[in-house]
Each structure stands twice: as structure tokens, then as C-alpha cells.
């Protein structure tokens, strides 16, 4: 089962650790530190298609997605249920 996070990017549901809303997550210092660390380690991917709205944390790094965290969560539940 896979989660489509935007453009041509999909990630296996088993790899997903968390889906964060960037609007609220950016207020926290820990999230900003995590984003900076992922950037420094070249483990952060930004999906094309607009301003990042969510951060999908995986066992390999992070993906900045233009799709809202709410939509991604709904997709993940749907994929797990029907997959």
C-alpha cells in the first residue's frame, strides 16, 4: 500500500512515521530543528506543485508536500483500508 504525496511521488505506508501540518508545526522549535537537520543530512525532499503544507516523516527522512496533512491522512487511511 502506498501514499501519494504529490506530483509523481509515492511512499510506502509502512515507511510513514508521521504526517505533520507545517502551519502549526513551524511554530515549534523542535520541528524547525528537525527540518534543519534533515536538510543538512540531505534527507529532505520537496515535492513540486506549490508551497509545502505538510511534512511526511519516513524511516528514511522527510518529504515536504504541497498536499494538506488532513488530505494525506485521509488518503493513508483509505489506502490501508482498501489495500
N, C-alpha and C. Protein backbone atom coordinates (compact mmCIF):
# COMPACT_ATOMS: atom_id res chain seq x y z
N UNK A 1 0.84 -1.17 0.00
CA UNK A 1 0.00 0.00 0.00
C UNK A 1 0.89 1.24 0.00
N UNK A 2 0.46 2.21 -0.77
CA UNK A 2 1.26 3.41 -0.97
C UNK A 2 0.45 4.67 -0.69
N UNK A 3 1.19 5.73 -0.38
CA UNK A 3 0.59 7.04 -0.15
C UNK A 3 1.14 8.00 -1.20
N UNK A 4 0.26 8.61 -1.98
CA UNK A 4 0.65 9.61 -2.97
C UNK A 4 0.78 10.94 -2.25
N UNK A 5 1.98 11.53 -2.26
CA UNK A 5 2.24 12.77 -1.51
C UNK A 5 2.36 14.00 -2.42
N UNK A 6 2.10 13.81 -3.71
CA UNK A 6 2.14 14.93 -4.64
C UNK A 6 3.01 14.63 -5.84
N UNK A 7 2.74 15.34 -6.94
CA UNK A 7 3.46 15.15 -8.21
C UNK A 7 3.52 13.65 -8.53
N UNK A 8 4.70 13.14 -8.77
CA UNK A 8 4.87 11.72 -9.07
C UNK A 8 5.50 10.97 -7.91
N UNK A 9 5.31 11.46 -6.69
CA UNK A 9 5.98 10.88 -5.53
C UNK A 9 4.99 10.06 -4.71
N UNK A 10 5.37 8.80 -4.48
CA UNK A 10 4.61 7.93 -3.60
C UNK A 10 5.56 7.34 -2.56
N UNK A 11 5.01 6.99 -1.42
CA UNK A 11 5.81 6.39 -0.36
C UNK A 11 5.02 5.21 0.22
N UNK A 12 5.72 4.16 0.57
CA UNK A 12 5.06 3.02 1.18
C UNK A 12 4.50 3.38 2.54
N UNK A 13 3.29 2.95 2.82
CA UNK A 13 2.66 3.29 4.11
C UNK A 13 3.48 2.76 5.29
N UNK A 14 4.15 1.65 5.11
CA UNK A 14 4.96 1.09 6.21
C UNK A 14 6.16 1.98 6.54
N UNK A 15 6.55 2.85 5.62
CA UNK A 15 7.67 3.76 5.85
C UNK A 15 7.26 5.02 6.59
N UNK A 16 5.96 5.35 6.58
CA UNK A 16 5.49 6.61 7.16
C UNK A 16 5.48 6.52 8.68
N UNK A 17 6.13 7.49 9.30
CA UNK A 17 6.16 7.58 10.76
C UNK A 17 5.14 8.60 11.25
N UNK A 18 5.06 9.74 10.56
CA UNK A 18 4.14 10.81 10.96
C UNK A 18 3.85 11.72 9.79
N UNK A 19 2.69 12.38 9.86
CA UNK A 19 2.31 13.40 8.89
C UNK A 19 2.00 14.65 9.69
N UNK A 20 2.79 15.70 9.47
CA UNK A 20 2.66 16.93 10.25
C UNK A 20 2.13 18.09 9.41
N UNK A 21 1.27 18.88 10.00
CA UNK A 21 0.77 20.11 9.39
C UNK A 21 1.87 21.16 9.57
N UNK A 22 2.44 21.64 8.49
CA UNK A 22 3.55 22.59 8.60
C UNK A 22 3.15 23.92 9.21
N UNK A 23 1.93 24.35 8.98
CA UNK A 23 1.49 25.63 9.53
C UNK A 23 1.61 25.63 11.06
N UNK A 24 1.13 24.59 11.70
CA UNK A 24 1.21 24.53 13.15
C UNK A 24 2.56 24.01 13.63
N UNK A 25 3.18 23.12 12.86
CA UNK A 25 4.45 22.53 13.27
C UNK A 25 5.59 23.55 13.25
N UNK A 26 5.51 24.52 12.35
CA UNK A 26 6.59 25.51 12.25
C UNK A 26 6.67 26.42 13.46
N UNK A 27 5.64 26.43 14.27
CA UNK A 27 5.67 27.25 15.49
C UNK A 27 6.57 26.64 16.56
N UNK A 28 6.79 25.34 16.48
CA UNK A 28 7.58 24.65 17.48
C UNK A 28 9.05 24.62 17.13
N UNK A 29 9.88 24.89 18.10
CA UNK A 29 11.32 24.89 17.88
C UNK A 29 11.86 23.53 17.50
N UNK A 30 11.29 22.48 18.08
CA UNK A 30 11.77 21.12 17.80
C UNK A 30 11.55 20.76 16.32
N UNK A 31 10.43 21.18 15.77
CA UNK A 31 10.15 20.89 14.36
C UNK A 31 11.12 21.64 13.46
N UNK A 32 11.39 22.89 13.79
CA UNK A 32 12.36 23.65 12.99
C UNK A 32 13.74 23.01 13.05
N UNK A 33 14.13 22.52 14.22
CA UNK A 33 15.41 21.84 14.37
C UNK A 33 15.44 20.56 13.53
N UNK A 34 14.35 19.81 13.55
CA UNK A 34 14.26 18.58 12.76
C UNK A 34 14.39 18.89 11.27
N UNK A 35 13.66 19.89 10.80
CA UNK A 35 13.74 20.27 9.38
C UNK A 35 15.17 20.67 9.00
N UNK A 36 15.82 21.43 9.85
CA UNK A 36 17.19 21.86 9.57
C UNK A 36 18.14 20.67 9.53
N UNK A 37 17.98 19.75 10.47
CA UNK A 37 18.83 18.55 10.50
C UNK A 37 18.62 17.70 9.26
N UNK A 38 17.37 17.51 8.86
CA UNK A 38 17.09 16.73 7.65
C UNK A 38 17.71 17.39 6.42
N UNK A 39 17.65 18.72 6.34
CA UNK A 39 18.27 19.45 5.22
C UNK A 39 19.78 19.23 5.20
N UNK A 40 20.41 19.38 6.36
CA UNK A 40 21.86 19.23 6.45
C UNK A 40 22.31 17.83 6.06
N UNK A 41 21.49 16.83 6.37
CA UNK A 41 21.83 15.44 6.06
C UNK A 41 21.36 15.02 4.68
N UNK A 42 20.82 15.97 3.91
CA UNK A 42 20.29 15.68 2.57
C UNK A 42 19.24 14.57 2.60
N UNK A 43 18.38 14.60 3.62
CA UNK A 43 17.32 13.61 3.75
C UNK A 43 15.95 14.27 3.71
N UNK A 44 15.87 15.43 3.06
CA UNK A 44 14.62 16.16 2.93
C UNK A 44 14.33 16.40 1.45
N UNK A 45 13.16 15.95 1.03
CA UNK A 45 12.73 16.10 -0.36
C UNK A 45 11.56 17.07 -0.39
N UNK A 46 11.55 17.98 -1.35
CA UNK A 46 10.41 18.86 -1.53
C UNK A 46 9.71 18.50 -2.83
N UNK A 47 8.44 18.13 -2.70
CA UNK A 47 7.62 17.75 -3.85
C UNK A 47 7.19 19.02 -4.58
N UNK A 48 7.28 18.99 -5.90
CA UNK A 48 6.84 20.12 -6.73
C UNK A 48 5.32 20.27 -6.65
N UNK A 49 4.84 21.47 -6.94
CA UNK A 49 3.41 21.67 -7.02
C UNK A 49 2.88 22.76 -6.12
N UNK A 50 3.75 23.50 -5.49
CA UNK A 50 3.29 24.60 -4.66
C UNK A 50 4.00 24.66 -3.32
N UNK A 51 3.55 25.59 -2.52
CA UNK A 51 4.10 25.80 -1.17
C UNK A 51 3.88 24.55 -0.31
N UNK A 52 4.92 24.10 0.40
CA UNK A 52 4.74 22.93 1.26
C UNK A 52 3.70 23.18 2.35
N UNK A 53 2.78 22.24 2.50
CA UNK A 53 1.72 22.34 3.52
C UNK A 53 1.86 21.27 4.58
N UNK A 54 2.63 20.21 4.27
CA UNK A 54 2.78 19.15 5.26
C UNK A 54 4.18 18.54 5.16
N UNK A 55 4.57 17.90 6.24
CA UNK A 55 5.83 17.17 6.32
C UNK A 55 5.49 15.72 6.59
N UNK A 56 5.91 14.85 5.69
CA UNK A 56 5.71 13.41 5.88
C UNK A 56 7.05 12.85 6.35
N UNK A 57 7.10 12.40 7.59
CA UNK A 57 8.31 11.80 8.12
C UNK A 57 8.29 10.32 7.81
N UNK A 58 9.41 9.84 7.26
CA UNK A 58 9.52 8.43 6.94
C UNK A 58 10.75 7.87 7.64
N UNK A 59 10.92 6.56 7.53
CA UNK A 59 12.10 5.95 8.14
C UNK A 59 13.39 6.32 7.41
N UNK A 60 13.28 7.03 6.29
CA UNK A 60 14.46 7.45 5.52
C UNK A 60 14.70 8.95 5.53
N UNK A 61 13.74 9.73 6.04
CA UNK A 61 13.90 11.18 6.04
C UNK A 61 12.55 11.87 6.05
N UNK A 62 12.49 13.00 5.35
CA UNK A 62 11.26 13.78 5.32
C UNK A 62 10.90 14.20 3.90
N UNK A 63 9.59 14.37 3.69
CA UNK A 63 9.09 14.82 2.41
C UNK A 63 8.18 16.02 2.65
N UNK A 64 8.51 17.15 2.05
CA UNK A 64 7.67 18.34 2.12
C UNK A 64 6.66 18.24 0.99
N UNK A 65 5.38 18.21 1.33
CA UNK A 65 4.32 18.02 0.35
C UNK A 65 3.42 19.23 0.25
N UNK A 66 2.95 19.56 -0.97
CA UNK A 66 2.00 20.66 -1.13
C UNK A 66 0.58 20.24 -0.75
N UNK A 67 0.38 18.99 -0.41
CA UNK A 67 -0.94 18.47 -0.03
C UNK A 67 -1.10 18.60 1.48
N UNK A 68 -2.28 18.99 1.93
CA UNK A 68 -2.51 19.20 3.36
C UNK A 68 -2.37 17.90 4.14
N UNK A 69 -1.98 18.03 5.40
CA UNK A 69 -1.85 16.87 6.28
C UNK A 69 -3.17 16.14 6.43
N UNK A 70 -4.27 16.87 6.46
CA UNK A 70 -5.60 16.26 6.58
C UNK A 70 -5.89 15.36 5.39
N UNK A 71 -5.61 15.84 4.19
CA UNK A 71 -5.84 15.05 2.98
C UNK A 71 -4.93 13.83 2.95
N UNK A 72 -3.67 14.00 3.32
CA UNK A 72 -2.74 12.88 3.33
C UNK A 72 -3.17 11.82 4.35
N UNK A 73 -3.65 12.26 5.49
CA UNK A 73 -4.12 11.30 6.50
C UNK A 73 -5.31 10.52 5.95
N UNK A 74 -6.24 11.23 5.33
CA UNK A 74 -7.41 10.58 4.75
C UNK A 74 -6.98 9.56 3.69
N UNK A 75 -6.02 9.92 2.85
CA UNK A 75 -5.52 9.00 1.83
C UNK A 75 -4.86 7.77 2.46
N UNK A 76 -4.11 7.99 3.53
CA UNK A 76 -3.42 6.86 4.16
C UNK A 76 -4.41 5.88 4.78
N UNK A 77 -5.44 6.40 5.41
CA UNK A 77 -6.47 5.54 6.00
C UNK A 77 -7.20 4.77 4.91
N UNK A 78 -7.52 5.46 3.82
CA UNK A 78 -8.20 4.83 2.71
C UNK A 78 -7.34 3.74 2.08
N UNK A 79 -6.07 4.02 1.88
CA UNK A 79 -5.16 3.05 1.27
C UNK A 79 -4.99 1.83 2.17
N UNK A 80 -4.89 2.05 3.47
CA UNK A 80 -4.73 0.93 4.40
C UNK A 80 -5.99 0.09 4.45
N UNK A 81 -7.13 0.74 4.35
CA UNK A 81 -8.40 0.03 4.43
C UNK A 81 -8.69 -0.78 3.17
N UNK A 82 -8.39 -0.19 2.01
CA UNK A 82 -8.73 -0.84 0.74
C UNK A 82 -7.57 -1.58 0.11
N UNK A 83 -6.35 -1.38 0.66
CA UNK A 83 -5.19 -2.00 0.06
C UNK A 83 -5.07 -3.42 0.41
